[in-house]
């Protein structure tokens, strides 16, 4: 059974990600774990510990989780939803423990800052989240609504000689939704010397994804974020699938100026699938 871990913070954006996750679970089948991590001992602005009642704090979180669960069940009474509240300060550690404990399929989470998707793909926490537990992480931007996942943009680097494409993982993930797959490679320059390698990787993808309708595109653009947004918008994509590697094209191409925001990601979720 698919298991989707959904960290929530009881914000509108977090609740929206939970609604999105419920729709995913309804489409592909599976259970949801609504997860909230809270500080063991709350402190005032001067660092002084406030009145500490662990049982009461836990109960408040469970009540809030159950309320959110009720909203999701109102959408679909057949959903299998578990509520989990834990005291702690390391969200990554708690998520990793749940991934291992439940053999989770995916982590689905919202973003709360204007450039949070960018930070997700670039920041230290982002890389840790992508790598922990060896599971995909789906980031749901503010305002994103679920209308099925019918068109997927798969961003690959055909000139990356250090990493083999995780073909089985890509196929398994796509098989969950069975979408049309728009494969795009974005680079500021395409080396003619690598033409043979590029064709070989295209053939590998064609063979691995033979059961899907696929299309290949090459975009000459220095800034990955701008290019992928424009491409995804043109394709009316429901999901952008990226394959982040440490020290790979994702890391290098995403070294953009701070003024370049992911302003067009308000409705396109991003799924990070590592190898």
Protein backbone atom coordinates (compact mmCIF):
# COMPACT_ATOMS: atom_id res chain seq x y z
CA UNK A 1 0.00 0.00 0.00
CA UNK A 2 1.21 3.50 -0.79
CA UNK A 3 1.97 5.59 2.28
CA UNK A 4 2.15 9.38 2.02
CA UNK A 5 3.75 11.34 4.84
CA UNK A 6 2.35 14.87 5.03
CA UNK A 7 4.07 17.28 7.45
CA UNK A 8 1.63 20.04 8.42
CA UNK A 9 1.86 23.22 10.49
CA UNK A 10 -1.85 24.18 10.55
CA UNK A 11 -1.36 27.07 8.13
CA UNK A 12 -3.52 27.59 5.05
CA UNK A 13 -0.61 26.51 2.89
CA UNK A 14 0.03 23.40 4.96
CA UNK A 15 -3.65 22.47 4.92
CA UNK A 16 -3.71 22.96 1.15
CA UNK A 17 -0.82 20.52 0.79
CA UNK A 18 -2.80 18.02 2.88
CA UNK A 19 -5.81 18.44 0.58
CA UNK A 20 -3.51 17.88 -2.40
CA UNK A 21 -2.11 14.75 -0.76
CA UNK A 22 -5.63 13.46 -0.10
CA UNK A 23 -6.43 13.81 -3.79
CA UNK A 24 -3.24 11.97 -4.72
CA UNK A 25 -4.10 9.16 -2.30
CA UNK A 26 -7.61 8.97 -3.71
CA UNK A 27 -6.33 8.70 -7.28
CA UNK A 28 -3.53 6.18 -6.79
CA UNK A 29 -4.66 4.49 -3.59
CA UNK A 30 -2.88 4.62 -0.27
CA UNK A 31 -2.92 5.99 3.24
CA UNK A 32 -1.94 9.38 4.63
CA UNK A 33 0.03 10.18 7.76
CA UNK A 34 -0.63 13.74 8.90
CA UNK A 35 2.44 14.70 10.89
CA UNK A 36 3.11 17.67 13.14
CA UNK A 37 6.35 18.30 15.01
CA UNK A 38 6.28 20.84 17.84
CA UNK A 39 8.83 22.22 20.31
CA UNK A 40 9.19 20.25 23.49
CA UNK A 41 9.28 23.37 25.65
CA UNK A 42 7.98 26.66 24.21
CA UNK A 43 9.97 29.76 25.07
CA UNK A 44 9.24 33.47 25.22
CA UNK A 45 11.00 36.06 23.08
CA UNK A 46 13.74 36.32 25.69
CA UNK A 47 14.33 32.58 25.66
CA UNK A 48 12.68 31.98 29.02
CA UNK A 49 10.74 28.71 29.07
CA UNK A 50 7.00 29.19 29.23
CA UNK A 51 4.66 27.05 31.30
CA UNK A 52 5.33 23.53 30.16
CA UNK A 53 2.56 20.95 30.06
CA UNK A 54 3.63 18.23 27.60
CA UNK A 55 0.37 16.33 27.78
CA UNK A 56 -1.73 19.41 27.09
CA UNK A 57 0.51 20.54 24.22
CA UNK A 58 0.31 17.09 22.65
CA UNK A 59 -3.45 16.96 23.05
CA UNK A 60 -3.86 20.37 21.38
CA UNK A 61 -1.84 19.18 18.38
CA UNK A 62 -3.82 15.96 18.10
CA UNK A 63 -7.09 17.90 18.20
CA UNK A 64 -5.86 20.16 15.39
CA UNK A 65 -4.73 17.13 13.36
CA UNK A 66 -8.07 15.40 13.88
CA UNK A 67 -9.86 18.54 12.70
CA UNK A 68 -7.79 18.54 9.50
CA UNK A 69 -8.43 14.82 9.14
CA UNK A 70 -12.16 15.51 9.36
CA UNK A 71 -11.94 18.03 6.52
CA UNK A 72 -10.14 15.48 4.35
CA UNK A 73 -12.63 12.73 5.19
CA UNK A 74 -15.44 15.06 4.22
CA UNK A 75 -13.90 15.01 0.73
CA UNK A 76 -13.62 11.23 0.72
CA UNK A 77 -14.84 9.14 3.67
CA UNK A 78 -12.87 6.15 2.37
CA UNK A 79 -9.47 7.75 2.97
CA UNK A 80 -7.15 6.02 5.43
CA UNK A 81 -5.65 8.81 7.58
CA UNK A 82 -3.45 8.60 10.66
CA UNK A 83 -2.62 11.59 12.88
CA UNK A 84 0.82 11.84 14.44
CA UNK A 85 2.08 14.60 16.76
CA UNK A 86 5.60 14.43 18.17
CA UNK A 87 7.67 16.77 20.30
CA UNK A 88 11.05 17.65 18.86
CA UNK A 89 13.15 20.20 17.02
CA UNK A 90 14.55 18.21 14.09
CA UNK A 91 11.82 17.85 11.48
CA UNK A 92 14.13 15.91 9.16
CA UNK A 93 14.91 13.32 11.79
CA UNK A 94 11.25 12.77 12.58
CA UNK A 95 10.35 12.46 8.91
CA UNK A 96 13.18 10.01 8.33
CA UNK A 97 12.06 7.87 11.25
CA UNK A 98 8.53 7.71 9.86
CA UNK A 99 9.79 6.87 6.38
CA UNK A 100 11.69 3.91 7.78
CA UNK A 101 8.91 2.86 10.14
CA UNK A 102 6.14 2.96 7.55
CA UNK A 103 8.13 2.20 4.39
CA UNK A 104 6.68 5.43 3.01
CA UNK A 105 6.09 5.97 -0.69
CA UNK A 106 6.42 9.74 -0.73
CA UNK A 107 6.63 12.88 1.38
CA UNK A 108 4.15 15.59 0.36
CA UNK A 109 4.68 19.04 1.83
CA UNK A 110 3.67 22.64 1.36
CA UNK A 111 5.94 25.66 1.08
CA UNK A 112 5.43 28.81 3.09
CA UNK A 113 7.77 31.39 1.55
CA UNK A 114 7.74 33.17 -1.79
CA UNK A 115 10.92 31.47 -2.92
CA UNK A 116 10.45 28.29 -0.90
CA UNK A 117 10.44 25.96 -3.89
CA UNK A 118 13.75 27.46 -4.91
CA UNK A 119 15.05 27.00 -1.38
CA UNK A 120 13.72 23.45 -1.41
CA UNK A 121 15.82 22.61 -4.43
CA UNK A 122 18.89 24.55 -3.33
CA UNK A 123 19.13 24.67 0.43
CA UNK A 124 20.80 22.28 2.83
CA UNK A 125 17.50 21.18 4.32
CA UNK A 126 16.19 20.56 0.83
CA UNK A 127 19.01 18.21 -0.09
CA UNK A 128 18.58 16.40 3.23
CA UNK A 129 14.84 15.99 2.71
CA UNK A 130 15.35 14.69 -0.80
CA UNK A 131 17.91 12.15 0.35
CA UNK A 132 16.45 10.87 3.60
CA UNK A 133 14.71 7.57 3.45
CA UNK A 134 15.29 7.23 -0.25
CA UNK A 135 11.80 8.45 -1.14
CA UNK A 136 10.46 11.14 -3.51
CA UNK A 137 9.45 14.50 -2.07
CA UNK A 138 6.53 16.39 -3.61
CA UNK A 139 6.43 20.13 -2.92
CA UNK A 140 3.02 21.76 -3.24
CA UNK A 141 3.25 25.53 -3.88
CA UNK A 142 0.73 27.95 -2.35
CA UNK A 143 -2.56 27.95 -4.21
CA UNK A 144 -1.91 24.71 -6.08
CA UNK A 145 -5.04 22.68 -6.76
CA UNK A 146 -5.23 19.06 -7.78
CA UNK A 147 -6.81 18.35 -11.15
CA UNK A 148 -5.14 15.01 -11.72
CA UNK A 149 -1.59 14.50 -12.92
CA UNK A 150 -2.01 14.16 -16.65
CA UNK A 151 0.93 16.17 -18.01
CA UNK A 152 4.37 15.79 -16.45
CA UNK A 153 7.53 17.69 -17.31
CA UNK A 154 10.60 15.55 -16.68
CA UNK A 155 13.78 17.64 -16.49
CA UNK A 156 16.94 15.70 -17.32
CA UNK A 157 20.53 16.52 -18.12
CA UNK A 158 21.58 14.50 -21.13
CA UNK A 159 25.15 15.76 -20.81
CA UNK A 160 25.60 14.62 -17.22
CA UNK A 161 28.27 11.94 -17.44
CA UNK A 162 28.55 11.32 -13.70
CA UNK A 163 25.08 10.01 -12.94
CA UNK A 164 23.07 7.29 -14.64
CA UNK A 165 19.39 8.02 -15.09
CA UNK A 166 17.32 6.27 -12.37
CA UNK A 167 15.14 4.64 -15.01
CA UNK A 168 13.34 2.22 -12.70
CA UNK A 169 12.45 4.97 -10.24
CA UNK A 170 11.26 7.25 -12.99
CA UNK A 171 9.12 4.54 -14.52
CA UNK A 172 7.66 3.45 -11.18
CA UNK A 173 6.77 7.01 -10.25
CA UNK A 174 5.18 7.76 -13.61
CA UNK A 175 3.31 4.46 -13.50
CA UNK A 176 1.55 5.75 -10.39
CA UNK A 177 -0.14 8.50 -12.43
CA UNK A 178 0.21 7.30 -16.06
CA UNK A 179 0.61 10.80 -17.53
CA UNK A 180 1.88 12.18 -20.80
CA UNK A 181 5.61 12.77 -20.26
CA UNK A 182 7.36 15.84 -21.66
CA UNK A 183 11.10 15.24 -21.31
CA UNK A 184 13.18 18.39 -21.48
CA UNK A 185 16.89 19.05 -21.25
CA UNK A 186 17.92 22.61 -20.43
CA UNK A 187 21.44 23.92 -20.98
CA UNK A 188 23.12 27.12 -22.06
CA UNK A 189 25.13 25.16 -24.63
CA UNK A 190 24.80 21.71 -26.17
CA UNK A 191 28.09 20.03 -27.00
CA UNK A 192 28.20 18.34 -30.40
CA UNK A 193 30.86 16.03 -29.01
CA UNK A 194 28.24 14.49 -26.71
CA UNK A 195 25.68 13.94 -29.45
CA UNK A 196 26.14 10.16 -29.41
CA UNK A 197 25.77 9.98 -25.62
CA UNK A 198 22.66 12.13 -25.79
CA UNK A 199 21.06 9.86 -28.37
CA UNK A 200 21.94 6.84 -26.26
CA UNK A 201 20.23 8.31 -23.21
CA UNK A 202 17.21 9.23 -25.28
CA UNK A 203 16.96 5.63 -26.43
CA UNK A 204 17.27 4.40 -22.85
CA UNK A 205 14.39 6.66 -21.82
CA UNK A 206 12.29 5.66 -24.81
CA UNK A 207 12.74 1.98 -24.00
CA UNK A 208 12.17 2.41 -20.28
CA UNK A 209 9.06 4.55 -20.80
CA UNK A 210 7.68 2.74 -23.82
CA UNK A 211 4.25 2.40 -22.22
CA UNK A 212 3.90 6.17 -21.92
CA UNK A 213 3.32 8.89 -24.48
CA UNK A 214 6.59 10.83 -24.41
CA UNK A 215 8.07 13.84 -26.16
CA UNK A 216 11.64 15.17 -26.17
CA UNK A 217 12.63 18.83 -26.14
CA UNK A 218 15.91 20.71 -25.84
CA UNK A 219 15.89 24.26 -24.50
CA UNK A 220 18.90 26.53 -24.80
CA UNK A 221 18.76 28.69 -21.71
CA UNK A 222 21.21 29.58 -18.98
CA UNK A 223 18.70 29.94 -16.17
CA UNK A 224 17.04 26.67 -15.36
CA UNK A 225 14.25 28.19 -13.26
CA UNK A 226 13.08 30.57 -15.97
CA UNK A 227 13.30 27.90 -18.65
CA UNK A 228 11.51 25.17 -16.73
CA UNK A 229 8.73 27.55 -15.70
CA UNK A 230 8.15 28.70 -19.24
CA UNK A 231 8.27 25.16 -20.58
CA UNK A 232 5.91 23.85 -17.90
CA UNK A 233 3.46 26.68 -18.48
CA UNK A 234 3.48 26.08 -22.22
CA UNK A 235 2.77 22.39 -21.66
CA UNK A 236 0.13 23.15 -19.02
CA UNK A 237 2.00 20.73 -16.79
CA UNK A 238 0.45 19.29 -13.65
CA UNK A 239 3.81 18.29 -12.21
CA UNK A 240 7.50 19.03 -12.70
CA UNK A 241 9.73 16.03 -12.02
CA UNK A 242 13.39 16.81 -11.28
CA UNK A 243 16.31 14.48 -10.61
CA UNK A 244 18.54 16.32 -8.14
CA UNK A 245 22.06 15.08 -7.53
CA UNK A 246 24.65 16.57 -5.24
CA UNK A 247 27.07 18.58 -7.35
CA UNK A 248 25.02 17.92 -10.46
CA UNK A 249 23.30 20.04 -13.06
CA UNK A 250 20.46 20.88 -10.66
CA UNK A 251 22.91 22.38 -8.18
CA UNK A 252 24.91 24.23 -10.82
CA UNK A 253 22.07 25.53 -12.92
CA UNK A 254 20.14 26.67 -9.88
CA UNK A 255 22.92 29.05 -8.82
CA UNK A 256 20.88 32.06 -9.85
CA UNK A 257 20.74 35.62 -8.61
CA UNK A 258 18.63 36.16 -5.51
CA UNK A 259 16.28 38.42 -7.46
CA UNK A 260 15.22 35.55 -9.68
CA UNK A 261 12.26 34.02 -7.92
CA UNK A 262 10.12 31.08 -8.79
CA UNK A 263 7.18 33.41 -9.29
CA UNK A 264 5.53 31.14 -11.82
CA UNK A 265 5.47 28.13 -9.49
CA UNK A 266 2.29 29.17 -7.75
CA UNK A 267 0.35 26.30 -9.29
CA UNK A 268 2.89 23.70 -10.49
CA UNK A 269 4.03 21.18 -7.86
CA UNK A 270 7.61 19.91 -7.99
CA UNK A 271 8.54 16.28 -7.39
CA UNK A 272 12.18 15.56 -6.51
CA UNK A 273 13.21 12.02 -7.34
CA UNK A 274 16.79 11.15 -6.48
CA UNK A 275 18.77 8.14 -7.60
